[in-house]
Amino acid sequence: MTTQYVIVHRRDTGRTVEEQVHDIHPDSDLTAATEHAAELQYNANHVYGRTRDTYRVARLAYIDEEG
């Protein structure tokens, strides 16, 4: 099984809401993924004024099959 951490960006414009994968981190980088998501969240709120946007870390796991 392969595991990765992804940062999911939820963009809320007030009329529409969209979610997309912002970044992918390997399994060993949970701390880096969390810190990056926190930095993105801070910038969205304080630098760009997008207080409805959120960034979260999600674990993506899938089974590797041979062949």
N, C-alpha and C. Protein backbone atom coordinates (compact mmCIF):
# COMPACT_ATOMS: atom_id res chain seq x y z
N MET A 1 0.85 -1.18 0.00
CA MET A 1 0.00 0.00 0.00
C MET A 1 0.89 1.24 0.00
N THR A 2 0.53 2.17 -0.81
CA THR A 2 1.26 3.43 -0.89
C THR A 2 0.41 4.53 -0.25
N THR A 3 1.08 5.37 0.55
CA THR A 3 0.37 6.45 1.23
C THR A 3 1.06 7.77 0.91
N GLN A 4 0.26 8.78 0.70
CA GLN A 4 0.75 10.14 0.51
C GLN A 4 -0.17 11.08 1.26
N TYR A 5 0.35 12.25 1.57
CA TYR A 5 -0.47 13.29 2.17
C TYR A 5 -0.70 14.37 1.13
N VAL A 6 -1.93 14.81 1.02
CA VAL A 6 -2.26 15.86 0.05
C VAL A 6 -2.83 17.06 0.79
N ILE A 7 -2.56 18.24 0.27
CA ILE A 7 -3.17 19.46 0.79
C ILE A 7 -4.34 19.77 -0.12
N VAL A 8 -5.53 19.84 0.48
CA VAL A 8 -6.75 20.12 -0.27
C VAL A 8 -7.15 21.57 -0.02
N HIS A 9 -7.33 22.30 -1.10
CA HIS A 9 -7.72 23.71 -1.03
C HIS A 9 -9.22 23.80 -1.30
N ARG A 10 -9.94 24.37 -0.36
CA ARG A 10 -11.38 24.61 -0.53
C ARG A 10 -11.57 26.10 -0.77
N ARG A 11 -11.96 26.43 -1.98
CA ARG A 11 -12.13 27.83 -2.40
C ARG A 11 -13.61 28.18 -2.33
N ASP A 12 -13.95 29.13 -1.48
CA ASP A 12 -15.33 29.55 -1.28
C ASP A 12 -15.46 31.01 -1.70
N THR A 13 -16.17 31.25 -2.80
CA THR A 13 -16.33 32.61 -3.30
C THR A 13 -17.58 33.29 -2.77
N GLY A 14 -18.38 32.56 -2.01
CA GLY A 14 -19.65 33.10 -1.54
C GLY A 14 -20.81 32.61 -2.39
N ARG A 15 -20.55 32.38 -3.67
CA ARG A 15 -21.57 31.83 -4.57
C ARG A 15 -21.27 30.39 -4.94
N THR A 16 -19.99 30.06 -5.06
CA THR A 16 -19.60 28.70 -5.42
C THR A 16 -18.51 28.21 -4.48
N VAL A 17 -18.45 26.89 -4.33
CA VAL A 17 -17.40 26.26 -3.52
C VAL A 17 -16.74 25.20 -4.38
N GLU A 18 -15.41 25.23 -4.45
CA GLU A 18 -14.65 24.24 -5.21
C GLU A 18 -13.55 23.68 -4.33
N GLU A 19 -13.27 22.40 -4.50
CA GLU A 19 -12.15 21.78 -3.80
C GLU A 19 -11.20 21.20 -4.83
N GLN A 20 -9.91 21.37 -4.58
CA GLN A 20 -8.90 20.80 -5.48
C GLN A 20 -7.66 20.47 -4.68
N VAL A 21 -6.90 19.51 -5.20
CA VAL A 21 -5.63 19.16 -4.57
C VAL A 21 -4.64 20.26 -4.88
N HIS A 22 -4.02 20.78 -3.84
CA HIS A 22 -3.05 21.87 -4.01
C HIS A 22 -1.63 21.34 -4.11
N ASP A 23 -1.29 20.33 -3.29
CA ASP A 23 0.08 19.84 -3.23
C ASP A 23 0.08 18.41 -2.73
N ILE A 24 1.11 17.64 -3.08
CA ILE A 24 1.24 16.25 -2.65
C ILE A 24 2.57 16.09 -1.91
N HIS A 25 2.52 15.42 -0.76
CA HIS A 25 3.72 15.15 0.03
C HIS A 25 3.84 13.64 0.26
N PRO A 26 5.06 13.10 0.25
CA PRO A 26 5.23 11.68 0.54
C PRO A 26 4.82 11.35 1.97
N ASP A 27 4.64 10.06 2.22
CA ASP A 27 4.17 9.57 3.53
C ASP A 27 5.02 10.06 4.69
N SER A 28 6.31 10.21 4.47
CA SER A 28 7.21 10.60 5.55
C SER A 28 7.14 12.09 5.87
N ASP A 29 6.38 12.87 5.11
CA ASP A 29 6.37 14.32 5.26
C ASP A 29 5.09 14.89 5.86
N LEU A 30 4.49 14.22 6.84
CA LEU A 30 3.27 14.74 7.46
C LEU A 30 3.52 16.09 8.11
N THR A 31 4.64 16.24 8.80
CA THR A 31 4.95 17.51 9.45
C THR A 31 5.10 18.62 8.41
N ALA A 32 5.82 18.34 7.34
CA ALA A 32 6.02 19.34 6.29
C ALA A 32 4.69 19.70 5.63
N ALA A 33 3.84 18.71 5.40
CA ALA A 33 2.53 18.97 4.78
C ALA A 33 1.67 19.83 5.70
N THR A 34 1.69 19.53 6.99
CA THR A 34 0.90 20.30 7.95
C THR A 34 1.39 21.74 8.04
N GLU A 35 2.71 21.92 8.10
CA GLU A 35 3.27 23.27 8.16
C GLU A 35 2.96 24.06 6.89
N HIS A 36 3.04 23.40 5.74
CA HIS A 36 2.75 24.06 4.47
C HIS A 36 1.27 24.48 4.42
N ALA A 37 0.38 23.60 4.85
CA ALA A 37 -1.05 23.93 4.87
C ALA A 37 -1.33 25.10 5.80
N ALA A 38 -0.66 25.14 6.95
CA ALA A 38 -0.84 26.25 7.89
C ALA A 38 -0.36 27.56 7.27
N GLU A 39 0.76 27.51 6.57
CA GLU A 39 1.28 28.71 5.90
C GLU A 39 0.32 29.20 4.81
N LEU A 40 -0.21 28.26 4.02
CA LEU A 40 -1.17 28.63 2.99
C LEU A 40 -2.43 29.23 3.59
N GLN A 41 -2.90 28.65 4.70
CA GLN A 41 -4.09 29.16 5.38
C GLN A 41 -3.87 30.57 5.91
N TYR A 42 -2.71 30.78 6.52
CA TYR A 42 -2.38 32.11 7.04
C TYR A 42 -2.36 33.14 5.91
N ASN A 43 -1.68 32.79 4.81
CA ASN A 43 -1.59 33.72 3.68
C ASN A 43 -2.97 34.02 3.08
N ALA A 44 -3.80 33.00 2.97
CA ALA A 44 -5.14 33.22 2.42
C ALA A 44 -5.93 34.19 3.29
N ASN A 45 -5.84 34.01 4.61
CA ASN A 45 -6.61 34.85 5.53
C ASN A 45 -6.03 36.25 5.69
N HIS A 46 -4.72 36.34 5.87
CA HIS A 46 -4.11 37.61 6.27
C HIS A 46 -3.47 38.41 5.13
N VAL A 47 -2.98 37.73 4.12
CA VAL A 47 -2.32 38.42 3.01
C VAL A 47 -3.32 38.73 1.89
N TYR A 48 -4.13 37.72 1.53
CA TYR A 48 -5.04 37.87 0.40
C TYR A 48 -6.48 38.18 0.80
N GLY A 49 -6.79 38.13 2.10
CA GLY A 49 -8.12 38.46 2.58
C GLY A 49 -9.20 37.46 2.21
N ARG A 50 -8.81 36.23 1.91
CA ARG A 50 -9.78 35.19 1.55
C ARG A 50 -10.11 34.37 2.80
N THR A 51 -10.95 34.91 3.65
CA THR A 51 -11.23 34.28 4.95
C THR A 51 -12.10 33.04 4.84
N ARG A 52 -12.75 32.82 3.73
CA ARG A 52 -13.57 31.62 3.57
C ARG A 52 -12.79 30.43 3.03
N ASP A 53 -11.62 30.67 2.48
CA ASP A 53 -10.81 29.58 1.94
C ASP A 53 -10.21 28.76 3.07
N THR A 54 -10.09 27.45 2.84
CA THR A 54 -9.44 26.59 3.83
C THR A 54 -8.46 25.66 3.12
N TYR A 55 -7.45 25.27 3.86
CA TYR A 55 -6.47 24.28 3.41
C TYR A 55 -6.42 23.20 4.47
N ARG A 56 -6.50 21.94 4.06
CA ARG A 56 -6.42 20.85 5.02
C ARG A 56 -5.55 19.74 4.46
N VAL A 57 -5.01 18.94 5.37
CA VAL A 57 -4.17 17.81 4.98
C VAL A 57 -5.04 16.56 5.02
N ALA A 58 -4.98 15.79 3.96
CA ALA A 58 -5.72 14.53 3.88
C ALA A 58 -4.73 13.42 3.55
N ARG A 59 -5.03 12.24 4.04
CA ARG A 59 -4.18 11.08 3.77
C ARG A 59 -4.77 10.32 2.60
N LEU A 60 -3.95 10.10 1.59
CA LEU A 60 -4.36 9.38 0.39
C LEU A 60 -3.64 8.04 0.39
N ALA A 61 -4.39 6.95 0.43
CA ALA A 61 -3.78 5.62 0.44
C ALA A 61 -4.38 4.80 -0.70
N TYR A 62 -3.54 4.06 -1.37
CA TYR A 62 -4.03 3.20 -2.44
C TYR A 62 -3.18 1.94 -2.49
N ILE A 63 -3.74 0.88 -3.03
CA ILE A 63 -3.07 -0.42 -3.08
C ILE A 63 -2.31 -0.52 -4.39
N ASP A 64 -1.02 -0.86 -4.28
CA ASP A 64 -0.21 -1.10 -5.47
C ASP A 64 -0.44 -2.53 -5.94
N GLU A 65 -0.70 -2.68 -7.21
CA GLU A 65 -0.87 -4.02 -7.76
C GLU A 65 0.23 -4.26 -8.78
N GLU A 66 0.80 -5.46 -8.73
CA GLU A 66 1.84 -5.80 -9.68
C GLU A 66 1.22 -6.08 -11.04
N GLY A 67 1.95 -5.69 -12.10
CA GLY A 67 1.52 -5.98 -13.45
C GLY A 67 0.55 -4.97 -13.91
